[in-house]
């Protein structure tokens, strides 16, 4: 399973909570690095699916690449 790294413009616990809510619906393993505004997702799902899911938070999201 691949680990993908995303930049998500999170500024507080509420922001990371929004990321947690949308990712739990996808049933993937993930880790949030709030100070560095990064989200690491372990999944075989297409990166476009992961990116669109993260965008549902309303935050600016960028795919950085594989970890």
PDB file of N, CA and C in Angstrom:
ATOM      1  N   UNK A   1       0.838  -1.182   0.000  1.00  0.00           N
ATOM      2  CA  UNK A   1       0.000   0.000   0.000  1.00  0.00           C
ATOM      3  C   UNK A   1       0.887   1.252   0.000  1.00  0.00           C
ATOM      4  N   UNK A   2       0.523   2.213  -0.802  1.00  0.00           N
ATOM      5  CA  UNK A   2       1.331   3.430  -0.946  1.00  0.00           C
ATOM      6  C   UNK A   2       0.921   4.477   0.085  1.00  0.00           C
ATOM      7  N   UNK A   3       1.894   5.303   0.487  1.00  0.00           N
ATOM      8  CA  UNK A   3       1.613   6.435   1.360  1.00  0.00           C
ATOM      9  C   UNK A   3       1.761   7.710   0.550  1.00  0.00           C
ATOM     10  N   UNK A   4       0.716   8.523   0.558  1.00  0.00           N
ATOM     11  CA  UNK A   4       0.690   9.761  -0.209  1.00  0.00           C
ATOM     12  C   UNK A   4       0.740  10.950   0.732  1.00  0.00           C
ATOM     13  N   UNK A   5       1.457  11.990   0.319  1.00  0.00           N
ATOM     14  CA  UNK A   5       1.634  13.178   1.142  1.00  0.00           C
ATOM     15  C   UNK A   5       0.906  14.359   0.502  1.00  0.00           C
ATOM     16  N   UNK A   6       0.090  15.039   1.294  1.00  0.00           N
ATOM     17  CA  UNK A   6      -0.674  16.189   0.822  1.00  0.00           C
ATOM     18  C   UNK A   6      -0.412  17.394   1.709  1.00  0.00           C
ATOM     19  N   UNK A   7      -0.404  18.585   1.103  1.00  0.00           N
ATOM     20  CA  UNK A   7      -0.393  19.833   1.855  1.00  0.00           C
ATOM     21  C   UNK A   7      -1.847  20.257   2.002  1.00  0.00           C
ATOM     22  N   UNK A   8      -2.273  20.523   3.227  1.00  0.00           N
ATOM     23  CA  UNK A   8      -3.633  21.007   3.480  1.00  0.00           C
ATOM     24  C   UNK A   8      -3.501  22.249   4.355  1.00  0.00           C
ATOM     25  N   UNK A   9      -4.084  23.347   3.933  1.00  0.00           N
ATOM     26  CA  UNK A   9      -3.943  24.615   4.652  1.00  0.00           C
ATOM     27  C   UNK A   9      -4.769  24.608   5.943  1.00  0.00           C
ATOM     28  N   UNK A  10      -4.254  23.894   6.959  1.00  0.00           N
ATOM     29  CA  UNK A  10      -4.921  23.772   8.253  1.00  0.00           C
ATOM     30  C   UNK A  10      -4.270  24.741   9.239  1.00  0.00           C
ATOM     31  N   UNK A  11      -5.095  25.427  10.020  1.00  0.00           N
ATOM     32  CA  UNK A  11      -4.551  26.372  10.989  1.00  0.00           C
ATOM     33  C   UNK A  11      -4.878  26.012  12.434  1.00  0.00           C
ATOM     34  N   UNK A  12      -5.819  25.078  12.640  1.00  0.00           N
ATOM     35  CA  UNK A  12      -6.220  24.764  14.011  1.00  0.00           C
ATOM     36  C   UNK A  12      -6.732  23.326  14.115  1.00  0.00           C
ATOM     37  N   UNK A  13      -7.090  22.947  15.351  1.00  0.00           N
ATOM     38  CA  UNK A  13      -7.627  21.603  15.589  1.00  0.00           C
ATOM     39  C   UNK A  13      -8.949  21.387  14.836  1.00  0.00           C
ATOM     40  N   UNK A  14      -9.713  22.456  14.665  1.00  0.00           N
ATOM     41  CA  UNK A  14     -10.965  22.342  13.913  1.00  0.00           C
ATOM     42  C   UNK A  14     -10.716  21.939  12.473  1.00  0.00           C
ATOM     43  N   UNK A  15      -9.645  22.499  11.897  1.00  0.00           N
ATOM     44  CA  UNK A  15      -9.273  22.166  10.511  1.00  0.00           C
ATOM     45  C   UNK A  15      -8.872  20.695  10.413  1.00  0.00           C
ATOM     46  N   UNK A  16      -8.032  20.246  11.347  1.00  0.00           N
ATOM     47  CA  UNK A  16      -7.593  18.848  11.302  1.00  0.00           C
ATOM     48  C   UNK A  16      -8.767  17.920  11.604  1.00  0.00           C
ATOM     49  N   UNK A  17      -9.730  18.397  12.393  1.00  0.00           N
ATOM     50  CA  UNK A  17     -10.928  17.607  12.658  1.00  0.00           C
ATOM     51  C   UNK A  17     -11.754  17.410  11.397  1.00  0.00           C
ATOM     52  N   UNK A  18     -11.825  18.451  10.567  1.00  0.00           N
ATOM     53  CA  UNK A  18     -12.549  18.350   9.298  1.00  0.00           C
ATOM     54  C   UNK A  18     -11.879  17.321   8.385  1.00  0.00           C
ATOM     55  N   UNK A  19     -10.549  17.327   8.358  1.00  0.00           N
ATOM     56  CA  UNK A  19      -9.795  16.354   7.553  1.00  0.00           C
ATOM     57  C   UNK A  19     -10.074  14.945   8.067  1.00  0.00           C
ATOM     58  N   UNK A  20     -10.053  14.781   9.378  1.00  0.00           N
ATOM     59  CA  UNK A  20     -10.331  13.474   9.982  1.00  0.00           C
ATOM     60  C   UNK A  20     -11.713  12.975   9.582  1.00  0.00           C
ATOM     61  N   UNK A  21     -12.720  13.845   9.641  1.00  0.00           N
ATOM     62  CA  UNK A  21     -14.093  13.446   9.292  1.00  0.00           C
ATOM     63  C   UNK A  21     -14.203  12.951   7.854  1.00  0.00           C
ATOM     64  N   UNK A  22     -13.629  13.680   6.900  1.00  0.00           N
ATOM     65  CA  UNK A  22     -13.783  13.260   5.495  1.00  0.00           C
ATOM     66  C   UNK A  22     -12.978  11.989   5.197  1.00  0.00           C
ATOM     67  N   UNK A  23     -11.802  11.838   5.832  1.00  0.00           N
ATOM     68  CA  UNK A  23     -10.976  10.657   5.551  1.00  0.00           C
ATOM     69  C   UNK A  23     -11.534   9.392   6.208  1.00  0.00           C
ATOM     70  N   UNK A  24     -12.198   9.524   7.342  1.00  0.00           N
ATOM     71  CA  UNK A  24     -12.792   8.344   7.990  1.00  0.00           C
ATOM     72  C   UNK A  24     -13.852   7.712   7.099  1.00  0.00           C
ATOM     73  N   UNK A  25     -14.521   8.520   6.279  1.00  0.00           N
ATOM     74  CA  UNK A  25     -15.541   7.997   5.362  1.00  0.00           C
ATOM     75  C   UNK A  25     -14.924   7.143   4.258  1.00  0.00           C
ATOM     76  N   UNK A  26     -13.621   7.383   3.961  1.00  0.00           N
ATOM     77  CA  UNK A  26     -12.942   6.621   2.900  1.00  0.00           C
ATOM     78  C   UNK A  26     -12.360   5.310   3.407  1.00  0.00           C
ATOM     79  N   UNK A  27     -12.298   5.153   4.732  1.00  0.00           N
ATOM     80  CA  UNK A  27     -11.727   3.953   5.348  1.00  0.00           C
ATOM     81  C   UNK A  27     -10.265   3.753   4.918  1.00  0.00           C
ATOM     82  N   UNK A  28      -9.442   4.777   5.174  1.00  0.00           N
ATOM     83  CA  UNK A  28      -8.010   4.715   4.877  1.00  0.00           C
ATOM     84  C   UNK A  28      -7.227   5.029   6.160  1.00  0.00           C
ATOM     85  N   UNK A  29      -5.972   4.605   6.194  1.00  0.00           N
ATOM     86  CA  UNK A  29      -5.099   4.969   7.313  1.00  0.00           C
ATOM     87  C   UNK A  29      -4.489   6.328   6.988  1.00  0.00           C
ATOM     88  N   UNK A  30      -4.439   7.212   7.999  1.00  0.00           N
ATOM     89  CA  UNK A  30      -3.869   8.531   7.745  1.00  0.00           C
ATOM     90  C   UNK A  30      -3.238   9.111   8.998  1.00  0.00           C
ATOM     91  N   UNK A  31      -2.371  10.080   8.785  1.00  0.00           N
ATOM     92  CA  UNK A  31      -1.700  10.778   9.874  1.00  0.00           C
ATOM     93  C   UNK A  31      -1.689  12.262   9.527  1.00  0.00           C
ATOM     94  N   UNK A  32      -2.016  13.100  10.506  1.00  0.00           N
ATOM     95  CA  UNK A  32      -2.071  14.543  10.287  1.00  0.00           C
ATOM     96  C   UNK A  32      -0.929  15.224  11.027  1.00  0.00           C
ATOM     97  N   UNK A  33      -0.157  16.023  10.290  1.00  0.00           N
ATOM     98  CA  UNK A  33       0.932  16.818  10.860  1.00  0.00           C
ATOM     99  C   UNK A  33       0.479  18.276  10.807  1.00  0.00           C
ATOM    100  N   UNK A  34      -0.250  18.701  11.850  1.00  0.00           N
ATOM    101  CA  UNK A  34      -0.847  20.036  11.855  1.00  0.00           C
ATOM    102  C   UNK A  34       0.181  21.169  11.795  1.00  0.00           C
ATOM    103  N   UNK A  35       1.283  21.129  12.585  1.00  0.00           N
ATOM    104  CA  UNK A  35       2.250  22.240  12.521  1.00  0.00           C
ATOM    105  C   UNK A  35       2.836  22.470  11.125  1.00  0.00           C
ATOM    106  N   UNK A  36       3.028  21.382  10.366  1.00  0.00           N
ATOM    107  CA  UNK A  36       3.595  21.494   9.022  1.00  0.00           C
ATOM    108  C   UNK A  36       2.527  21.474   7.929  1.00  0.00           C
ATOM    109  N   UNK A  37       1.267  21.414   8.340  1.00  0.00           N
ATOM    110  CA  UNK A  37       0.130  21.425   7.413  1.00  0.00           C
ATOM    111  C   UNK A  37       0.194  20.301   6.385  1.00  0.00           C
ATOM    112  N   UNK A  38       0.551  19.102   6.851  1.00  0.00           N
ATOM    113  CA  UNK A  38       0.639  17.952   5.949  1.00  0.00           C
ATOM    114  C   UNK A  38      -0.262  16.825   6.421  1.00  0.00           C
ATOM    115  N   UNK A  39      -0.754  16.065   5.449  1.00  0.00           N
ATOM    116  CA  UNK A  39      -1.558  14.882   5.724  1.00  0.00           C
ATOM    117  C   UNK A  39      -0.933  13.724   4.958  1.00  0.00           C
ATOM    118  N   UNK A  40      -0.686  12.627   5.664  1.00  0.00           N
ATOM    119  CA  UNK A  40      -0.125  11.426   5.051  1.00  0.00           C
ATOM    120  C   UNK A  40      -1.222  10.378   5.023  1.00  0.00           C
ATOM    121  N   UNK A  41      -1.514   9.860   3.824  1.00  0.00           N
ATOM    122  CA  UNK A  41      -2.593   8.883   3.665  1.00  0.00           C
ATOM    123  C   UNK A  41      -2.025   7.594   3.097  1.00  0.00           C
ATOM    124  N   UNK A  42      -2.293   6.493   3.795  1.00  0.00           N
ATOM    125  CA  UNK A  42      -1.867   5.175   3.326  1.00  0.00           C
ATOM    126  C   UNK A  42      -3.062   4.522   2.648  1.00  0.00           C
ATOM    127  N   UNK A  43      -2.977   4.404   1.328  1.00  0.00           N
ATOM    128  CA  UNK A  43      -4.121   3.897   0.570  1.00  0.00           C
ATOM    129  C   UNK A  43      -3.715   3.464  -0.833  1.00  0.00           C
ATOM    130  N   UNK A  44      -4.485   2.529  -1.376  1.00  0.00           N
ATOM    131  CA  UNK A  44      -4.305   2.130  -2.770  1.00  0.00           C
ATOM    132  C   UNK A  44      -5.267   2.886  -3.680  1.00  0.00           C
ATOM    133  N   UNK A  45      -6.073   3.760  -3.095  1.00  0.00           N
ATOM    134  CA  UNK A  45      -7.016   4.555  -3.894  1.00  0.00           C
ATOM    135  C   UNK A  45      -6.247   5.540  -4.773  1.00  0.00           C
ATOM    136  N   UNK A  46      -6.857   5.938  -5.877  1.00  0.00           N
ATOM    137  CA  UNK A  46      -6.247   6.884  -6.798  1.00  0.00           C
ATOM    138  C   UNK A  46      -6.020   8.225  -6.092  1.00  0.00           C
ATOM    139  N   UNK A  47      -4.900   8.878  -6.395  1.00  0.00           N
ATOM    140  CA  UNK A  47      -4.587  10.156  -5.744  1.00  0.00           C
ATOM    141  C   UNK A  47      -5.647  11.212  -6.033  1.00  0.00           C
ATOM    142  N   UNK A  48      -6.293  11.145  -7.199  1.00  0.00           N
ATOM    143  CA  UNK A  48      -7.357  12.102  -7.521  1.00  0.00           C
ATOM    144  C   UNK A  48      -8.548  11.946  -6.566  1.00  0.00           C
ATOM    145  N   UNK A  49      -8.848  10.707  -6.190  1.00  0.00           N
ATOM    146  CA  UNK A  49      -9.938  10.432  -5.250  1.00  0.00           C
ATOM    147  C   UNK A  49      -9.586  11.021  -3.887  1.00  0.00           C
ATOM    148  N   UNK A  50      -8.345  10.810  -3.460  1.00  0.00           N
ATOM    149  CA  UNK A  50      -7.892  11.337  -2.170  1.00  0.00           C
ATOM    150  C   UNK A  50      -7.902  12.865  -2.172  1.00  0.00           C
ATOM    151  N   UNK A  51      -7.432  13.452  -3.268  1.00  0.00           N
ATOM    152  CA  UNK A  51      -7.377  14.911  -3.400  1.00  0.00           C
ATOM    153  C   UNK A  51      -8.784  15.511  -3.346  1.00  0.00           C
ATOM    154  N   UNK A  52      -9.716  14.939  -4.102  1.00  0.00           N
ATOM    155  CA  UNK A  52     -11.097  15.445  -4.112  1.00  0.00           C
ATOM    156  C   UNK A  52     -11.744  15.300  -2.739  1.00  0.00           C
ATOM    157  N   UNK A  53     -11.438  14.213  -2.046  1.00  0.00           N
ATOM    158  CA  UNK A  53     -11.984  14.012  -0.700  1.00  0.00           C
ATOM    159  C   UNK A  53     -11.468  15.082   0.250  1.00  0.00           C
ATOM    160  N   UNK A  54     -10.171  15.367   0.200  1.00  0.00           N
ATOM    161  CA  UNK A  54      -9.592  16.394   1.072  1.00  0.00           C
ATOM    162  C   UNK A  54     -10.153  17.783   0.748  1.00  0.00           C
ATOM    163  N   UNK A  55     -10.456  18.029  -0.513  1.00  0.00           N
ATOM    164  CA  UNK A  55     -10.994  19.337  -0.911  1.00  0.00           C
ATOM    165  C   UNK A  55     -12.383  19.584  -0.332  1.00  0.00           C
ATOM    166  N   UNK A  56     -13.074  18.517   0.083  1.00  0.00           N
ATOM    167  CA  UNK A  56     -14.398  18.663   0.695  1.00  0.00           C
ATOM    168  C   UNK A  56     -14.325  19.421   2.020  1.00  0.00           C
ATOM    169  N   UNK A  57     -13.131  19.552   2.579  1.00  0.00           N
ATOM    170  CA  UNK A  57     -12.971  20.305   3.829  1.00  0.00           C
ATOM    171  C   UNK A  57     -13.064  21.806   3.588  1.00  0.00           C
ATOM    172  N   UNK A  58     -12.942  22.232   2.325  1.00  0.00           N
ATOM    173  CA  UNK A  58     -12.968  23.659   2.011  1.00  0.00           C
ATOM    174  C   UNK A  58     -11.606  24.317   2.140  1.00  0.00           C
ATOM    175  N   UNK A  59     -10.603  23.529   2.451  1.00  0.00           N
ATOM    176  CA  UNK A  59      -9.235  24.046   2.602  1.00  0.00           C
ATOM    177  C   UNK A  59      -8.480  23.906   1.281  1.00  0.00           C
ATOM    178  N   UNK A  60      -7.421  24.733   1.145  1.00  0.00           N
ATOM    179  CA  UNK A  60      -6.555  24.594  -0.025  1.00  0.00           C
ATOM    180  C   UNK A  60      -5.757  23.306   0.123  1.00  0.00           C
ATOM    181  N   UNK A  61      -5.773  22.468  -0.914  1.00  0.00           N
ATOM    182  CA  UNK A  61      -5.111  21.163  -0.859  1.00  0.00           C
ATOM    183  C   UNK A  61      -4.207  20.988  -2.068  1.00  0.00           C
ATOM    184  N   UNK A  62      -2.973  20.485  -1.820  1.00  0.00           N
ATOM    185  CA  UNK A  62      -2.031  20.202  -2.889  1.00  0.00           C
ATOM    186  C   UNK A  62      -1.435  18.823  -2.672  1.00  0.00           C
ATOM    187  N   UNK A  63      -1.334  18.044  -3.748  1.00  0.00           N
ATOM    188  CA  UNK A  63      -0.679  16.746  -3.661  1.00  0.00           C
ATOM    189  C   UNK A  63       0.817  16.958  -3.762  1.00  0.00           C
ATOM    190  N   UNK A  64       1.550  16.521  -2.745  1.00  0.00           N
ATOM    191  CA  UNK A  64       3.010  16.689  -2.749  1.00  0.00           C
ATOM    192  C   UNK A  64       3.670  15.512  -3.459  1.00  0.00           C
ATOM    193  N   UNK A  65       3.221  14.317  -3.182  1.00  0.00           N
ATOM    194  CA  UNK A  65       3.785  13.129  -3.832  1.00  0.00           C
ATOM    195  C   UNK A  65       3.847  11.962  -2.866  1.00  0.00           C
ATOM    196  N   UNK A  66       4.438  10.856  -3.326  1.00  0.00           N
ATOM    197  CA  UNK A  66       4.566   9.696  -2.434  1.00  0.00           C
ATOM    198  C   UNK A  66       5.570   9.992  -1.323  1.00  0.00           C
ATOM    199  N   UNK A  67       5.340   9.364  -0.189  1.00  0.00           N
ATOM    200  CA  UNK A  67       6.249   9.573   0.945  1.00  0.00           C
ATOM    201  C   UNK A  67       7.399   8.603   0.867  1.00  0.00           C
TER     202      UNK A  67
END
